[in-house]
């Protein structure tokens, strides 16, 4: 049995929530390390902060067209006008150049990050301006495929668990942390299962919500 299958099987035996994730979305695909890794992989996660997946993908394609595979030196050499044309906000320009400077100077050694234990790697990453806890955890989970990362600051995790638990509001951060404790050492797989569920049910839930809003608007409109 593969480590992926073992993790899924263990979680299914511990909590019925995960069976519902599979019922909604079908089998969970085995994860593949997301590329690129290192500096460009972390830079791409900065682009994904607070924007849609499609918007981040468009920015990434434009950046690669302007710089090739982005390296620290290439990003530092690009003028603000080029980064702006790629879709960078002023804040993301600052973050991207800051990250590039940290890596180019050797203050942030991405090869060393790969070798550090989870907590030490997270601590090293969040010292960089623009790399918050979410960005650091997503890097460890998606790029490095660490097995026990629980990104409670991720919106889809919070909303997915809200729906799975049939709550009116998203669980607070401290509750999300507590929910993940029994799922160690497979919390990365738990996160993937919740994302799997969220992506499977979100379109229908949004459609129903739009329909309910339309009915409500019709009820209050002048007759």
N, C-alpha and C. Protein backbone atom coordinates (compact mmCIF):
# COMPACT_ATOMS: atom_id res chain seq x y z
N UNK A 1 0.85 -1.20 0.00
CA UNK A 1 0.00 0.00 0.00
C UNK A 1 0.88 1.24 0.00
N UNK A 2 0.55 2.21 -0.83
CA UNK A 2 1.34 3.44 -0.92
C UNK A 2 1.13 4.30 0.31
N UNK A 3 2.08 5.22 0.61
CA UNK A 3 1.87 6.15 1.73
C UNK A 3 0.58 6.96 1.58
N UNK A 4 0.24 7.33 0.35
CA UNK A 4 -1.00 8.08 0.11
C UNK A 4 -2.21 7.24 0.51
N UNK A 5 -2.26 5.99 0.06
CA UNK A 5 -3.39 5.13 0.40
C UNK A 5 -3.45 4.85 1.89
N UNK A 6 -2.29 4.69 2.53
CA UNK A 6 -2.26 4.47 3.97
C UNK A 6 -2.82 5.67 4.73
N UNK A 7 -2.44 6.88 4.27
CA UNK A 7 -2.92 8.09 4.93
C UNK A 7 -4.43 8.23 4.77
N UNK A 8 -4.93 8.02 3.55
CA UNK A 8 -6.37 8.13 3.32
C UNK A 8 -7.10 7.07 4.15
N UNK A 9 -6.61 5.84 4.15
CA UNK A 9 -7.27 4.78 4.91
C UNK A 9 -7.30 5.07 6.40
N UNK A 10 -6.20 5.59 6.92
CA UNK A 10 -6.15 5.92 8.34
C UNK A 10 -7.16 7.01 8.70
N UNK A 11 -7.24 8.03 7.87
CA UNK A 11 -8.19 9.12 8.13
C UNK A 11 -9.63 8.65 8.02
N UNK A 12 -9.92 7.78 7.06
CA UNK A 12 -11.27 7.25 6.92
C UNK A 12 -11.68 6.47 8.16
N UNK A 13 -10.73 5.78 8.77
CA UNK A 13 -11.04 5.00 9.96
C UNK A 13 -11.22 5.86 11.20
N UNK A 14 -10.71 7.10 11.15
CA UNK A 14 -10.75 7.96 12.32
C UNK A 14 -11.96 8.89 12.34
N UNK A 15 -12.40 9.34 11.16
CA UNK A 15 -13.41 10.39 11.13
C UNK A 15 -14.33 10.22 9.93
N UNK A 16 -15.64 10.12 10.15
CA UNK A 16 -16.57 9.94 9.03
C UNK A 16 -16.63 11.13 8.09
N UNK A 17 -16.12 12.28 8.50
CA UNK A 17 -16.11 13.45 7.61
C UNK A 17 -15.40 13.13 6.30
N UNK A 18 -14.34 12.34 6.39
CA UNK A 18 -13.52 12.12 5.20
C UNK A 18 -14.21 11.19 4.21
N UNK A 19 -15.05 10.29 4.69
CA UNK A 19 -15.82 9.46 3.76
C UNK A 19 -16.77 10.34 2.95
N UNK A 20 -17.32 11.36 3.57
CA UNK A 20 -18.20 12.29 2.85
C UNK A 20 -17.43 13.06 1.79
N UNK A 21 -16.15 13.35 2.08
CA UNK A 21 -15.32 14.04 1.07
C UNK A 21 -15.18 13.18 -0.18
N UNK A 22 -14.97 11.88 0.01
CA UNK A 22 -14.81 10.98 -1.13
C UNK A 22 -16.14 10.72 -1.82
N UNK A 23 -17.22 10.68 -1.05
CA UNK A 23 -18.54 10.50 -1.67
C UNK A 23 -18.88 11.68 -2.57
N UNK A 24 -18.45 12.87 -2.18
CA UNK A 24 -18.74 14.07 -2.98
C UNK A 24 -17.84 14.18 -4.19
N UNK A 25 -16.56 13.85 -4.01
CA UNK A 25 -15.59 14.12 -5.07
C UNK A 25 -14.98 12.92 -5.75
N UNK A 26 -15.30 11.70 -5.26
CA UNK A 26 -14.68 10.52 -5.83
C UNK A 26 -13.31 10.28 -5.22
N UNK A 27 -12.55 9.31 -5.74
CA UNK A 27 -11.23 9.00 -5.18
C UNK A 27 -10.31 10.23 -5.17
N UNK A 28 -9.51 10.34 -4.13
CA UNK A 28 -8.55 11.44 -4.03
C UNK A 28 -7.29 11.09 -4.81
N UNK A 29 -6.94 11.89 -5.83
CA UNK A 29 -5.72 11.58 -6.59
C UNK A 29 -4.48 11.63 -5.71
N UNK A 30 -3.52 10.79 -6.03
CA UNK A 30 -2.26 10.82 -5.30
C UNK A 30 -1.53 12.12 -5.64
N UNK A 31 -1.01 12.83 -4.62
CA UNK A 31 -0.39 14.13 -4.89
C UNK A 31 0.93 14.00 -5.62
N UNK A 32 1.18 14.93 -6.50
CA UNK A 32 2.47 15.06 -7.15
C UNK A 32 3.11 16.36 -6.69
N UNK A 33 4.43 16.38 -6.48
CA UNK A 33 5.07 17.64 -6.08
C UNK A 33 4.79 18.74 -7.09
N UNK A 34 4.33 19.84 -6.59
CA UNK A 34 4.04 20.98 -7.47
C UNK A 34 5.35 21.62 -7.91
N UNK A 35 5.43 21.96 -9.17
CA UNK A 35 6.63 22.62 -9.68
C UNK A 35 6.27 24.04 -10.13
N UNK A 36 7.24 24.94 -10.17
CA UNK A 36 8.63 24.75 -9.76
C UNK A 36 8.78 24.79 -8.24
N UNK A 37 9.94 24.34 -7.75
CA UNK A 37 10.25 24.45 -6.33
C UNK A 37 11.22 25.61 -6.13
N UNK A 38 11.71 25.73 -4.92
CA UNK A 38 12.68 26.78 -4.63
C UNK A 38 12.11 28.18 -4.77
N UNK A 39 12.96 29.11 -5.19
CA UNK A 39 12.53 30.50 -5.29
C UNK A 39 11.31 30.69 -6.18
N UNK A 40 11.29 30.16 -7.43
CA UNK A 40 10.11 30.42 -8.26
C UNK A 40 8.84 29.83 -7.67
N UNK A 41 8.94 28.68 -7.00
CA UNK A 41 7.74 28.10 -6.40
C UNK A 41 7.18 28.96 -5.29
N UNK A 42 8.07 29.54 -4.48
CA UNK A 42 7.61 30.41 -3.40
C UNK A 42 7.09 31.73 -3.96
N UNK A 43 7.75 32.24 -5.01
CA UNK A 43 7.27 33.46 -5.66
C UNK A 43 5.86 33.26 -6.21
N UNK A 44 5.63 32.10 -6.80
CA UNK A 44 4.29 31.82 -7.36
C UNK A 44 3.23 31.85 -6.27
N UNK A 45 3.56 31.36 -5.09
CA UNK A 45 2.60 31.38 -3.98
C UNK A 45 2.31 32.82 -3.55
N UNK A 46 3.31 33.70 -3.61
CA UNK A 46 3.05 35.12 -3.33
C UNK A 46 2.03 35.67 -4.31
N UNK A 47 2.15 35.29 -5.58
CA UNK A 47 1.18 35.76 -6.58
C UNK A 47 -0.23 35.28 -6.26
N UNK A 48 -0.34 34.12 -5.62
CA UNK A 48 -1.65 33.54 -5.34
C UNK A 48 -2.32 34.14 -4.12
N UNK A 49 -1.61 34.97 -3.37
CA UNK A 49 -2.19 35.55 -2.16
C UNK A 49 -3.36 36.46 -2.52
N UNK A 50 -4.54 36.14 -1.97
CA UNK A 50 -5.73 37.00 -2.04
C UNK A 50 -6.22 37.25 -3.47
N UNK A 51 -5.94 36.33 -4.39
CA UNK A 51 -6.51 36.44 -5.73
C UNK A 51 -7.01 35.06 -6.13
N UNK A 52 -7.80 35.01 -7.20
CA UNK A 52 -8.30 33.73 -7.68
C UNK A 52 -7.18 32.92 -8.32
N UNK A 53 -7.41 31.61 -8.44
CA UNK A 53 -6.44 30.74 -9.09
C UNK A 53 -6.19 31.17 -10.53
N UNK A 54 -7.26 31.55 -11.23
CA UNK A 54 -7.11 31.97 -12.63
C UNK A 54 -6.29 33.24 -12.75
N UNK A 55 -6.52 34.19 -11.85
CA UNK A 55 -5.76 35.44 -11.89
C UNK A 55 -4.29 35.18 -11.61
N UNK A 56 -4.00 34.33 -10.63
CA UNK A 56 -2.61 34.02 -10.30
C UNK A 56 -1.93 33.30 -11.46
N UNK A 57 -2.65 32.40 -12.12
CA UNK A 57 -2.08 31.68 -13.25
C UNK A 57 -1.76 32.63 -14.39
N UNK A 58 -2.63 33.60 -14.64
CA UNK A 58 -2.38 34.58 -15.70
C UNK A 58 -1.14 35.43 -15.37
N UNK A 59 -0.99 35.85 -14.12
CA UNK A 59 0.18 36.63 -13.73
C UNK A 59 1.45 35.81 -13.89
N UNK A 60 1.38 34.54 -13.51
CA UNK A 60 2.56 33.68 -13.61
C UNK A 60 3.00 33.52 -15.07
N UNK A 61 2.04 33.29 -15.96
CA UNK A 61 2.38 33.14 -17.38
C UNK A 61 3.03 34.41 -17.92
N UNK A 62 2.51 35.56 -17.56
CA UNK A 62 3.09 36.82 -18.03
C UNK A 62 4.50 37.02 -17.47
N UNK A 63 4.68 36.65 -16.20
CA UNK A 63 6.01 36.80 -15.61
C UNK A 63 7.01 35.89 -16.31
N UNK A 64 6.63 34.65 -16.58
CA UNK A 64 7.53 33.72 -17.27
C UNK A 64 7.84 34.20 -18.68
N UNK A 65 6.86 34.82 -19.33
CA UNK A 65 7.11 35.36 -20.66
C UNK A 65 8.12 36.51 -20.60
N UNK A 66 8.09 37.27 -19.51
CA UNK A 66 8.99 38.43 -19.39
C UNK A 66 10.37 38.03 -18.89
N UNK A 67 10.44 36.99 -18.04
CA UNK A 67 11.70 36.68 -17.38
C UNK A 67 12.21 35.28 -17.63
N UNK A 68 11.50 34.47 -18.43
CA UNK A 68 11.85 33.06 -18.51
C UNK A 68 11.48 32.39 -17.19
N UNK A 69 12.19 31.33 -16.82
CA UNK A 69 11.98 30.77 -15.49
C UNK A 69 12.50 31.79 -14.48
N UNK A 70 11.62 32.35 -13.64
CA UNK A 70 12.05 33.46 -12.79
C UNK A 70 13.14 33.04 -11.81
N UNK A 71 14.23 33.78 -11.84
CA UNK A 71 15.31 33.63 -10.87
C UNK A 71 15.36 34.90 -10.03
N UNK A 72 16.01 34.87 -8.87
CA UNK A 72 16.11 36.10 -8.09
C UNK A 72 16.70 37.26 -8.88
N UNK A 73 17.80 37.02 -9.60
CA UNK A 73 18.43 38.10 -10.36
C UNK A 73 17.51 38.62 -11.46
N UNK A 74 16.76 37.72 -12.11
CA UNK A 74 15.87 38.16 -13.18
C UNK A 74 14.75 39.02 -12.63
N UNK A 75 14.20 38.65 -11.49
CA UNK A 75 13.11 39.44 -10.89
C UNK A 75 13.63 40.79 -10.44
N UNK A 76 14.82 40.81 -9.83
CA UNK A 76 15.39 42.09 -9.38
C UNK A 76 15.68 43.01 -10.56
N UNK A 77 15.96 42.43 -11.74
CA UNK A 77 16.30 43.25 -12.91
C UNK A 77 15.08 43.80 -13.63
N UNK A 78 13.91 43.22 -13.41
CA UNK A 78 12.72 43.68 -14.12
C UNK A 78 12.27 45.04 -13.59
N UNK A 79 11.97 45.98 -14.45
CA UNK A 79 11.46 47.28 -13.99
C UNK A 79 10.04 47.16 -13.44
N UNK A 80 9.67 48.13 -12.64
CA UNK A 80 8.32 48.12 -12.05
C UNK A 80 7.24 48.06 -13.13
N UNK A 81 7.48 48.74 -14.25
CA UNK A 81 6.47 48.77 -15.30
C UNK A 81 6.20 47.37 -15.84
N UNK A 82 7.25 46.55 -15.94
CA UNK A 82 7.06 45.18 -16.43
C UNK A 82 6.29 44.34 -15.43
N UNK A 83 6.65 44.47 -14.14
CA UNK A 83 5.93 43.71 -13.12
C UNK A 83 4.47 44.15 -13.04
N UNK A 84 4.24 45.44 -13.19
CA UNK A 84 2.86 45.93 -13.19
C UNK A 84 2.09 45.36 -14.37
N UNK A 85 2.73 45.30 -15.54
CA UNK A 85 2.07 44.73 -16.72
C UNK A 85 1.78 43.24 -16.54
N UNK A 86 2.56 42.58 -15.69
CA UNK A 86 2.31 41.16 -15.40
C UNK A 86 1.16 40.98 -14.40
N UNK A 87 0.71 42.08 -13.79
CA UNK A 87 -0.40 42.00 -12.85
C UNK A 87 -0.02 42.19 -11.40
N UNK A 88 1.25 42.48 -11.14
CA UNK A 88 1.69 42.68 -9.77
C UNK A 88 1.11 43.97 -9.20
N UNK A 89 0.55 43.89 -8.00
CA UNK A 89 0.21 45.10 -7.27
C UNK A 89 1.49 45.71 -6.71
N UNK A 90 1.40 46.95 -6.23
CA UNK A 90 2.58 47.59 -5.63
C UNK A 90 3.09 46.75 -4.47
N UNK A 91 2.19 46.23 -3.65
CA UNK A 91 2.60 45.42 -2.50
C UNK A 91 3.30 44.14 -2.94
N UNK A 92 2.78 43.48 -3.97
CA UNK A 92 3.40 42.24 -4.43
C UNK A 92 4.75 42.49 -5.10
N UNK A 93 4.92 43.67 -5.70
CA UNK A 93 6.25 44.02 -6.20
C UNK A 93 7.26 44.06 -5.05
N UNK A 94 6.85 44.69 -3.95
CA UNK A 94 7.74 44.79 -2.78
C UNK A 94 8.06 43.40 -2.25
N UNK A 95 7.05 42.56 -2.14
CA UNK A 95 7.26 41.21 -1.62
C UNK A 95 8.15 40.40 -2.54
N UNK A 96 7.90 40.48 -3.86
CA UNK A 96 8.69 39.70 -4.82
C UNK A 96 10.15 40.12 -4.80
N UNK A 97 10.39 41.43 -4.80
CA UNK A 97 11.78 41.91 -4.78
C UNK A 97 12.44 41.58 -3.44
N UNK A 98 11.67 41.66 -2.36
CA UNK A 98 12.23 41.31 -1.06
C UNK A 98 12.64 39.85 -1.00
N UNK A 99 11.78 38.96 -1.50
CA UNK A 99 12.12 37.54 -1.53
C UNK A 99 13.33 37.29 -2.42
N UNK A 100 13.35 37.94 -3.59
CA UNK A 100 14.48 37.76 -4.50
C UNK A 100 15.78 38.21 -3.84
N UNK A 101 15.73 39.32 -3.12
CA UNK A 101 16.92 39.80 -2.43
C UNK A 101 17.40 38.86 -1.35
N UNK A 102 16.45 38.30 -0.60
CA UNK A 102 16.81 37.35 0.47
C UNK A 102 17.49 36.11 -0.10
N UNK A 103 16.96 35.59 -1.21
CA UNK A 103 17.54 34.38 -1.81
C UNK A 103 18.86 34.70 -2.50
N UNK A 104 18.92 35.81 -3.23
CA UNK A 104 20.15 36.17 -3.95
C UNK A 104 21.31 36.40 -2.99
N UNK A 105 21.01 36.96 -1.82
CA UNK A 105 22.06 37.25 -0.84
C UNK A 105 22.48 36.03 -0.04
N UNK A 106 21.69 34.97 -0.11
CA UNK A 106 21.97 33.78 0.69
C UNK A 106 21.36 33.80 2.07
N UNK A 107 20.69 34.88 2.43
CA UNK A 107 20.06 34.91 3.75
C UNK A 107 18.93 33.89 3.85
N UNK A 108 18.29 33.59 2.71
CA UNK A 108 17.29 32.53 2.67
C UNK A 108 17.81 31.46 1.71
N UNK A 109 18.14 30.31 2.27
CA UNK A 109 18.70 29.20 1.49
C UNK A 109 17.57 28.20 1.24
N UNK A 110 17.03 28.18 0.01
CA UNK A 110 15.89 27.33 -0.29
C UNK A 110 16.25 25.85 -0.23
N UNK A 111 17.50 25.49 -0.54
CA UNK A 111 17.92 24.09 -0.40
C UNK A 111 17.91 23.68 1.07
N UNK A 112 18.29 24.59 1.94
CA UNK A 112 18.28 24.30 3.38
C UNK A 112 16.84 24.15 3.87
N UNK A 113 15.93 24.98 3.34
CA UNK A 113 14.52 24.87 3.72
C UNK A 113 14.01 23.46 3.44
N UNK A 114 14.43 22.90 2.32
CA UNK A 114 14.00 21.55 1.96
C UNK A 114 14.39 20.52 3.02
N UNK A 115 15.50 20.77 3.71
CA UNK A 115 16.02 19.78 4.65
C UNK A 115 15.56 20.00 6.09
N UNK A 116 15.04 21.18 6.38
CA UNK A 116 14.68 21.50 7.77
C UNK A 116 13.40 20.78 8.19
N UNK A 117 13.25 20.48 9.48
CA UNK A 117 11.96 20.00 10.00
C UNK A 117 10.87 21.04 9.75
N UNK A 118 9.63 20.59 9.78
CA UNK A 118 8.50 21.47 9.42
C UNK A 118 8.51 22.79 10.18
N UNK A 119 8.57 22.74 11.49
CA UNK A 119 8.46 23.97 12.29
C UNK A 119 9.62 24.91 12.01
N UNK A 120 10.83 24.35 11.87
CA UNK A 120 11.99 25.20 11.58
C UNK A 120 11.89 25.81 10.18
N UNK A 121 11.41 25.04 9.23
CA UNK A 121 11.24 25.57 7.87
C UNK A 121 10.20 26.69 7.86
N UNK A 122 9.09 26.49 8.57
CA UNK A 122 8.06 27.53 8.64
C UNK A 122 8.61 28.79 9.29
N UNK A 123 9.36 28.63 10.38
CA UNK A 123 9.93 29.79 11.06
C UNK A 123 10.87 30.57 10.15
N UNK A 124 11.68 29.85 9.37
CA UNK A 124 12.61 30.52 8.46
C UNK A 124 11.88 31.26 7.36
N UNK A 125 10.81 30.69 6.83
CA UNK A 125 10.09 31.32 5.73
C UNK A 125 9.32 32.55 6.18
N UNK A 126 8.67 32.49 7.34
CA UNK A 126 7.84 33.63 7.75
C UNK A 126 8.66 34.83 8.19
N UNK A 127 9.98 34.67 8.31
CA UNK A 127 10.82 35.84 8.59
C UNK A 127 10.95 36.76 7.38
N UNK A 128 10.61 36.24 6.21
CA UNK A 128 10.71 37.03 4.97
C UNK A 128 9.45 37.87 4.82
N UNK A 129 9.60 39.15 4.56
CA UNK A 129 8.45 40.02 4.38
C UNK A 129 7.60 39.53 3.21
N UNK A 130 6.30 39.40 3.47
CA UNK A 130 5.39 38.94 2.42
C UNK A 130 5.11 37.45 2.47
N UNK A 131 5.87 36.72 3.30
CA UNK A 131 5.63 35.28 3.47
C UNK A 131 4.98 35.08 4.83
N UNK A 132 3.67 34.96 4.83
CA UNK A 132 2.95 34.69 6.07
C UNK A 132 2.83 33.20 6.32
N UNK A 133 2.12 32.88 7.37
CA UNK A 133 1.97 31.47 7.74
C UNK A 133 1.31 30.67 6.61
N UNK A 134 0.26 31.23 5.99
CA UNK A 134 -0.43 30.52 4.92
C UNK A 134 0.53 30.20 3.77
N UNK A 135 1.28 31.20 3.33
CA UNK A 135 2.18 31.00 2.20
C UNK A 135 3.23 29.94 2.51
N UNK A 136 3.78 29.99 3.73
CA UNK A 136 4.81 29.03 4.12
C UNK A 136 4.24 27.62 4.18
N UNK A 137 3.05 27.48 4.75
CA UNK A 137 2.45 26.15 4.85
C UNK A 137 2.08 25.59 3.48
N UNK A 138 1.55 26.44 2.60
CA UNK A 138 1.20 25.97 1.26
C UNK A 138 2.46 25.51 0.51
N UNK A 139 3.57 26.21 0.72
CA UNK A 139 4.82 25.79 0.08
C UNK A 139 5.24 24.41 0.58
N UNK A 140 5.20 24.21 1.89
CA UNK A 140 5.60 22.92 2.43
C UNK A 140 4.65 21.81 1.99
N UNK A 141 3.35 22.12 1.91
CA UNK A 141 2.36 21.09 1.59
C UNK A 141 2.36 20.75 0.10
N UNK A 142 2.28 21.76 -0.75
CA UNK A 142 2.08 21.52 -2.18
C UNK A 142 3.39 21.33 -2.94
N UNK A 143 4.43 22.06 -2.55
CA UNK A 143 5.69 21.99 -3.30
C UNK A 143 6.61 20.90 -2.74
N UNK A 144 6.77 20.89 -1.41
CA UNK A 144 7.66 19.91 -0.80
C UNK A 144 6.94 18.62 -0.42
N UNK A 145 5.60 18.61 -0.50
CA UNK A 145 4.80 17.41 -0.17
C UNK A 145 5.09 16.90 1.24
N UNK A 146 5.23 17.82 2.20
CA UNK A 146 5.36 17.39 3.59
C UNK A 146 4.04 16.76 4.03
N UNK A 147 4.07 15.67 4.83
CA UNK A 147 2.86 14.90 5.09
C UNK A 147 1.96 15.43 6.20
N UNK A 148 2.46 16.34 7.05
CA UNK A 148 1.67 16.70 8.24
C UNK A 148 1.54 18.21 8.40
N UNK A 149 1.09 18.88 7.34
CA UNK A 149 0.87 20.33 7.36
C UNK A 149 -0.63 20.59 7.38
N UNK A 150 -1.06 21.46 8.26
CA UNK A 150 -2.49 21.74 8.43
C UNK A 150 -2.73 23.25 8.28
N UNK A 151 -3.07 23.73 7.06
CA UNK A 151 -3.14 25.17 6.77
C UNK A 151 -4.49 25.78 7.17
N UNK A 152 -4.64 26.04 8.46
CA UNK A 152 -5.94 26.50 8.96
C UNK A 152 -6.30 27.91 8.51
N UNK A 153 -5.33 28.65 7.97
CA UNK A 153 -5.62 29.99 7.47
C UNK A 153 -6.11 29.98 6.03
N UNK A 154 -6.23 28.80 5.45
CA UNK A 154 -6.72 28.69 4.07
C UNK A 154 -8.25 28.78 4.06
N UNK A 155 -8.78 29.66 3.22
CA UNK A 155 -10.22 29.90 3.20
C UNK A 155 -11.01 28.65 2.82
N UNK A 156 -10.52 27.90 1.84
CA UNK A 156 -11.26 26.71 1.40
C UNK A 156 -11.29 25.64 2.49
N UNK A 157 -10.25 25.56 3.31
CA UNK A 157 -10.27 24.63 4.44
C UNK A 157 -11.35 25.04 5.43
N UNK A 158 -11.39 26.33 5.76
CA UNK A 158 -12.37 26.80 6.74
C UNK A 158 -13.80 26.64 6.22
N UNK A 159 -14.03 27.00 4.96
CA UNK A 159 -15.39 26.91 4.41
C UNK A 159 -15.77 25.45 4.20
N UNK A 160 -14.83 24.64 3.72
CA UNK A 160 -15.13 23.23 3.53
C UNK A 160 -15.54 22.55 4.83
N UNK A 161 -14.84 22.85 5.92
CA UNK A 161 -15.21 22.26 7.21
C UNK A 161 -16.51 22.86 7.74
N UNK A 162 -16.75 24.13 7.45
CA UNK A 162 -18.04 24.72 7.82
C UNK A 162 -19.18 23.92 7.19
N UNK A 163 -19.05 23.61 5.92
CA UNK A 163 -20.10 22.85 5.23
C UNK A 163 -20.16 21.41 5.73
N UNK A 164 -19.01 20.77 5.92
CA UNK A 164 -19.00 19.40 6.41
C UNK A 164 -19.62 19.28 7.79
N UNK A 165 -19.43 20.30 8.61
CA UNK A 165 -19.95 20.29 9.97
C UNK A 165 -21.35 20.91 10.07
N UNK A 166 -21.88 21.36 8.92
CA UNK A 166 -23.22 21.97 8.86
C UNK A 166 -23.33 23.16 9.81
N UNK A 167 -22.34 24.05 9.75
CA UNK A 167 -22.31 25.24 10.59
C UNK A 167 -22.87 26.45 9.83
N UNK A 168 -23.39 27.40 10.57
CA UNK A 168 -23.85 28.65 9.99
C UNK A 168 -22.67 29.56 9.65
N UNK A 169 -21.58 29.44 10.41
CA UNK A 169 -20.41 30.28 10.20
C UNK A 169 -19.16 29.41 10.17
N UNK A 170 -18.07 29.97 9.63
CA UNK A 170 -16.81 29.23 9.58
C UNK A 170 -16.28 28.99 10.98
N UNK A 171 -15.74 27.81 11.25
CA UNK A 171 -15.13 27.57 12.57
C UNK A 171 -13.98 28.53 12.80
N UNK A 172 -13.81 29.04 14.01
CA UNK A 172 -12.67 29.93 14.28
C UNK A 172 -11.35 29.18 14.21
N UNK A 173 -10.28 29.95 14.12
CA UNK A 173 -8.96 29.37 13.89
C UNK A 173 -8.58 28.37 14.97
N UNK A 174 -8.85 28.71 16.26
CA UNK A 174 -8.45 27.80 17.32
C UNK A 174 -9.21 26.47 17.24
N UNK A 175 -10.45 26.50 16.78
CA UNK A 175 -11.20 25.26 16.62
C UNK A 175 -10.66 24.46 15.44
N UNK A 176 -10.28 25.14 14.36
CA UNK A 176 -9.70 24.44 13.22
C UNK A 176 -8.40 23.73 13.62
N UNK A 177 -7.60 24.40 14.43
CA UNK A 177 -6.38 23.76 14.91
C UNK A 177 -6.70 22.52 15.73
N UNK A 178 -7.69 22.64 16.61
CA UNK A 178 -8.06 21.51 17.45
C UNK A 178 -8.65 20.36 16.62
N UNK A 179 -9.43 20.70 15.60
CA UNK A 179 -10.00 19.66 14.74
C UNK A 179 -8.91 18.83 14.08
N UNK A 180 -7.80 19.49 13.72
CA UNK A 180 -6.74 18.78 13.02
C UNK A 180 -5.87 17.90 13.90
N UNK A 181 -5.89 18.12 15.21
CA UNK A 181 -4.99 17.35 16.08
C UNK A 181 -5.16 15.84 15.97
N UNK A 182 -6.39 15.31 15.94
CA UNK A 182 -6.53 13.85 15.85
C UNK A 182 -6.10 13.28 14.49
N UNK A 183 -5.85 14.14 13.52
CA UNK A 183 -5.51 13.67 12.17
C UNK A 183 -4.01 13.58 11.93
N UNK A 184 -3.21 13.93 12.97
CA UNK A 184 -1.76 13.75 12.85
C UNK A 184 -1.45 12.27 12.67
N UNK A 185 -0.43 11.87 11.96
CA UNK A 185 0.53 12.69 11.20
C UNK A 185 0.17 12.80 9.71
N UNK A 186 -1.15 12.84 9.44
CA UNK A 186 -1.61 12.86 8.05
C UNK A 186 -2.42 14.13 7.74
N UNK A 187 -2.07 15.23 8.39
CA UNK A 187 -2.90 16.42 8.22
C UNK A 187 -2.83 17.00 6.81
N UNK A 188 -1.73 16.78 6.09
CA UNK A 188 -1.69 17.23 4.70
C UNK A 188 -2.73 16.50 3.86
N UNK A 189 -2.86 15.21 4.08
CA UNK A 189 -3.90 14.44 3.37
C UNK A 189 -5.28 14.88 3.81
N UNK A 190 -5.45 15.20 5.09
CA UNK A 190 -6.73 15.73 5.57
C UNK A 190 -7.07 17.03 4.84
N UNK A 191 -6.07 17.90 4.68
CA UNK A 191 -6.30 19.16 3.96
C UNK A 191 -6.68 18.88 2.51
N UNK A 192 -6.01 17.96 1.87
CA UNK A 192 -6.34 17.63 0.48
C UNK A 192 -7.76 17.07 0.36
N UNK A 193 -8.18 16.28 1.34
CA UNK A 193 -9.54 15.74 1.32
C UNK A 193 -10.58 16.85 1.48
N UNK A 194 -10.32 17.79 2.37
CA UNK A 194 -11.26 18.91 2.55
C UNK A 194 -11.30 19.77 1.29
N UNK A 195 -10.14 20.04 0.69
CA UNK A 195 -10.12 20.78 -0.59
C UNK A 195 -10.90 20.02 -1.66
N UNK A 196 -10.70 18.71 -1.69
CA UNK A 196 -11.39 17.85 -2.66
C UNK A 196 -12.90 18.00 -2.52
N UNK A 197 -13.37 17.98 -1.30
CA UNK A 197 -14.79 18.16 -1.02
C UNK A 197 -15.26 19.55 -1.43
N UNK A 198 -14.50 20.56 -1.00
CA UNK A 198 -14.88 21.95 -1.29
C UNK A 198 -15.02 22.18 -2.79
N UNK A 199 -14.04 21.74 -3.57
CA UNK A 199 -14.07 21.95 -5.01
C UNK A 199 -15.21 21.18 -5.67
N UNK A 200 -15.61 20.06 -5.07
CA UNK A 200 -16.68 19.25 -5.64
C UNK A 200 -18.06 19.86 -5.40
N UNK A 201 -18.26 20.47 -4.23
CA UNK A 201 -19.61 20.93 -3.88
C UNK A 201 -19.80 22.43 -4.06
N UNK A 202 -18.70 23.19 -4.14
CA UNK A 202 -18.83 24.66 -4.19
C UNK A 202 -19.66 25.15 -5.37
N UNK A 203 -19.49 24.64 -6.60
CA UNK A 203 -20.29 25.18 -7.71
C UNK A 203 -21.79 25.04 -7.49
N UNK A 204 -22.24 23.89 -6.99
CA UNK A 204 -23.66 23.70 -6.76
C UNK A 204 -24.15 24.57 -5.61
N UNK A 205 -23.37 24.70 -4.58
CA UNK A 205 -23.77 25.55 -3.45
C UNK A 205 -23.88 27.01 -3.88
N UNK A 206 -22.95 27.45 -4.73
CA UNK A 206 -23.03 28.83 -5.23
C UNK A 206 -24.26 29.01 -6.10
N UNK A 207 -24.57 28.02 -6.94
CA UNK A 207 -25.75 28.11 -7.80
C UNK A 207 -27.02 28.21 -6.95
N UNK A 208 -27.10 27.39 -5.92
CA UNK A 208 -28.29 27.43 -5.06
C UNK A 208 -28.37 28.75 -4.31
N UNK A 209 -27.22 29.28 -3.88
CA UNK A 209 -27.23 30.56 -3.17
C UNK A 209 -27.69 31.69 -4.07
N UNK A 210 -27.24 31.67 -5.35
CA UNK A 210 -27.69 32.70 -6.29
C UNK A 210 -29.20 32.59 -6.52
N UNK A 211 -29.70 31.35 -6.60
CA UNK A 211 -31.13 31.16 -6.78
C UNK A 211 -31.93 31.66 -5.60
N UNK A 212 -31.43 31.40 -4.39
CA UNK A 212 -32.13 31.88 -3.19
C UNK A 212 -32.12 33.40 -3.12
N UNK A 213 -30.99 34.02 -3.52
CA UNK A 213 -30.92 35.49 -3.52
C UNK A 213 -31.90 36.07 -4.53
N UNK A 214 -32.01 35.42 -5.68
CA UNK A 214 -32.94 35.91 -6.70
C UNK A 214 -34.37 35.81 -6.22
N UNK A 215 -34.72 34.71 -5.54
CA UNK A 215 -36.08 34.57 -5.00
C UNK A 215 -36.35 35.61 -3.93
N UNK A 216 -35.37 35.86 -3.09
CA UNK A 216 -35.55 36.85 -2.04
C UNK A 216 -35.74 38.24 -2.63
N UNK A 217 -34.97 38.56 -3.67
CA UNK A 217 -35.11 39.87 -4.30
C UNK A 217 -36.49 40.01 -4.96
N UNK A 218 -36.99 38.91 -5.54
CA UNK A 218 -38.30 38.95 -6.17
C UNK A 218 -39.40 39.15 -5.12
N UNK A 219 -39.20 38.54 -3.93
CA UNK A 219 -40.21 38.66 -2.88
C UNK A 219 -40.35 40.09 -2.36
N UNK A 220 -39.22 40.84 -2.35
CA UNK A 220 -39.28 42.18 -1.78
C UNK A 220 -39.46 43.27 -2.86
N UNK A 221 -39.47 42.87 -4.13
CA UNK A 221 -39.63 43.88 -5.19
C UNK A 221 -41.08 44.35 -5.24
N UNK A 222 -41.32 45.61 -5.66
CA UNK A 222 -42.69 46.13 -5.74
C UNK A 222 -43.52 45.28 -6.67
N UNK A 223 -44.71 44.95 -6.27
CA UNK A 223 -45.64 44.16 -7.09
C UNK A 223 -46.59 45.08 -7.82
